[in-house]
Amino acid sequence: MRLSDNEIGEQLRGLPGWSRNGEAIEKQLTFASFPDAIAFVTRLAFDAEAVDHHPDLAINYRRVTVGYSTHSEGGVTSKDIEAARHIEELARRWQK
């Protein structure tokens, strides 16, 4: 079920660096090297495939922008918030 604007705002307060972008949430992450950025994206790809919830990704050298929206619901859902939390855990492995 799609979250309300207030619910999204409340959830994002607990996710530093995440912001609303239209009907999605996103965060830009910076890694120490291009290989670290690609390793992060590779791990994320396998994790996303396992739960059948895929992010929008943009890779620019050491920077990776990750965006989530549940297209079937037309906006942000709890599934996207859960994915953002997972990104936070995953990014810690490569961001030092």
Protein backbone atom coordinates (compact mmCIF):
# COMPACT_ATOMS: atom_id res chain seq x y z
CA MET A 1 0.00 0.00 0.00
CA ARG A 2 1.28 3.44 -0.94
CA LEU A 3 2.50 5.56 1.99
CA SER A 4 1.16 9.05 2.63
CA ASP A 5 3.44 12.08 2.36
CA ASN A 6 3.53 12.30 6.17
CA GLU A 7 4.41 8.62 6.54
CA ILE A 8 7.21 8.95 3.99
CA GLY A 9 8.59 12.01 5.75
CA GLU A 10 8.50 10.25 9.10
CA GLN A 11 10.30 7.19 7.73
CA LEU A 12 12.95 9.27 5.95
CA ARG A 13 13.85 11.03 9.20
CA GLY A 14 15.35 7.71 10.30
CA LEU A 15 17.31 7.29 7.06
CA PRO A 16 20.06 9.94 6.84
CA GLY A 17 20.81 11.13 3.33
CA TRP A 18 17.61 9.74 1.81
CA SER A 19 15.21 12.20 0.24
CA ARG A 20 11.99 12.29 -1.67
CA ASN A 21 12.21 12.72 -5.43
CA GLY A 22 8.73 12.84 -6.90
CA GLU A 23 7.11 9.47 -6.33
CA ALA A 24 10.36 7.84 -5.24
CA ILE A 25 13.00 7.98 -2.53
CA GLU A 26 16.70 8.20 -3.32
CA LYS A 27 20.18 8.53 -1.92
CA GLN A 28 23.57 9.26 -3.41
CA LEU A 29 26.45 7.20 -2.01
CA THR A 30 30.14 7.86 -2.55
CA PHE A 31 32.71 5.08 -2.39
CA ALA A 32 36.50 5.10 -2.04
CA SER A 33 37.01 3.75 -5.55
CA PHE A 34 35.20 2.78 -8.72
CA PRO A 35 35.68 -0.96 -7.96
CA ASP A 36 34.08 -0.43 -4.53
CA ALA A 37 31.10 1.29 -6.18
CA ILE A 38 30.71 -1.57 -8.65
CA ALA A 39 31.07 -4.20 -5.91
CA PHE A 40 28.27 -2.47 -4.00
CA VAL A 41 26.03 -2.37 -7.09
CA THR A 42 26.75 -6.02 -7.86
CA ARG A 43 25.80 -7.14 -4.35
CA LEU A 44 22.72 -4.91 -4.48
CA ALA A 45 21.68 -6.47 -7.80
CA PHE A 46 21.71 -9.98 -6.35
CA ASP A 47 19.87 -8.88 -3.20
CA ALA A 48 17.23 -7.01 -5.24
CA GLU A 49 16.70 -10.01 -7.49
CA ALA A 50 16.22 -12.27 -4.45
CA VAL A 51 13.33 -10.13 -3.16
CA ASP A 52 12.04 -9.11 -6.63
CA HIS A 53 12.25 -5.40 -5.82
CA HIS A 54 14.67 -3.56 -8.07
CA PRO A 55 16.09 -0.06 -7.62
CA ASP A 56 16.78 2.61 -10.17
CA LEU A 57 20.56 3.02 -10.29
CA ALA A 58 22.91 5.64 -11.69
CA ILE A 59 26.66 5.08 -11.53
CA ASN A 60 29.05 7.98 -11.97
CA TYR A 61 32.60 6.86 -11.19
CA ARG A 62 32.67 6.56 -7.37
CA ARG A 63 29.10 7.85 -6.89
CA VAL A 64 26.03 5.64 -7.00
CA THR A 65 22.52 7.03 -6.83
CA VAL A 66 19.92 4.52 -5.65
CA GLY A 67 16.21 5.18 -6.06
CA TYR A 68 13.18 3.18 -5.02
CA SER A 69 9.50 3.36 -5.91
CA THR A 70 6.88 0.64 -6.08
CA HIS A 71 5.62 1.18 -9.61
CA SER A 72 2.60 -1.10 -9.18
CA GLU A 73 1.42 1.14 -6.31
CA GLY A 74 2.31 4.42 -8.00
CA GLY A 75 4.67 5.62 -5.30
CA VAL A 76 6.59 4.84 -2.15
CA THR A 77 5.55 1.85 -0.03
CA SER A 78 6.91 0.13 3.05
CA LYS A 79 8.79 -2.17 0.66
CA ASP A 80 10.82 0.83 -0.51
CA ILE A 81 11.57 1.90 3.06
CA GLU A 82 12.73 -1.63 3.88
CA ALA A 83 14.95 -1.58 0.79
CA ALA A 84 16.45 1.77 1.87
CA ARG A 85 17.27 0.29 5.27
CA HIS A 86 18.95 -2.63 3.55
CA ILE A 87 20.99 -0.21 1.42
CA GLU A 88 22.23 1.46 4.61
CA GLU A 89 23.49 -1.87 5.96
CA LEU A 90 24.96 -2.93 2.64
CA ALA A 91 26.77 0.37 2.01
CA ARG A 92 28.63 0.13 5.33
CA ARG A 93 30.62 -2.81 3.91
CA TRP A 94 32.19 -0.64 1.20
CA GLN A 95 32.09 2.87 2.64
CA LYS A 96 34.93 3.42 5.05
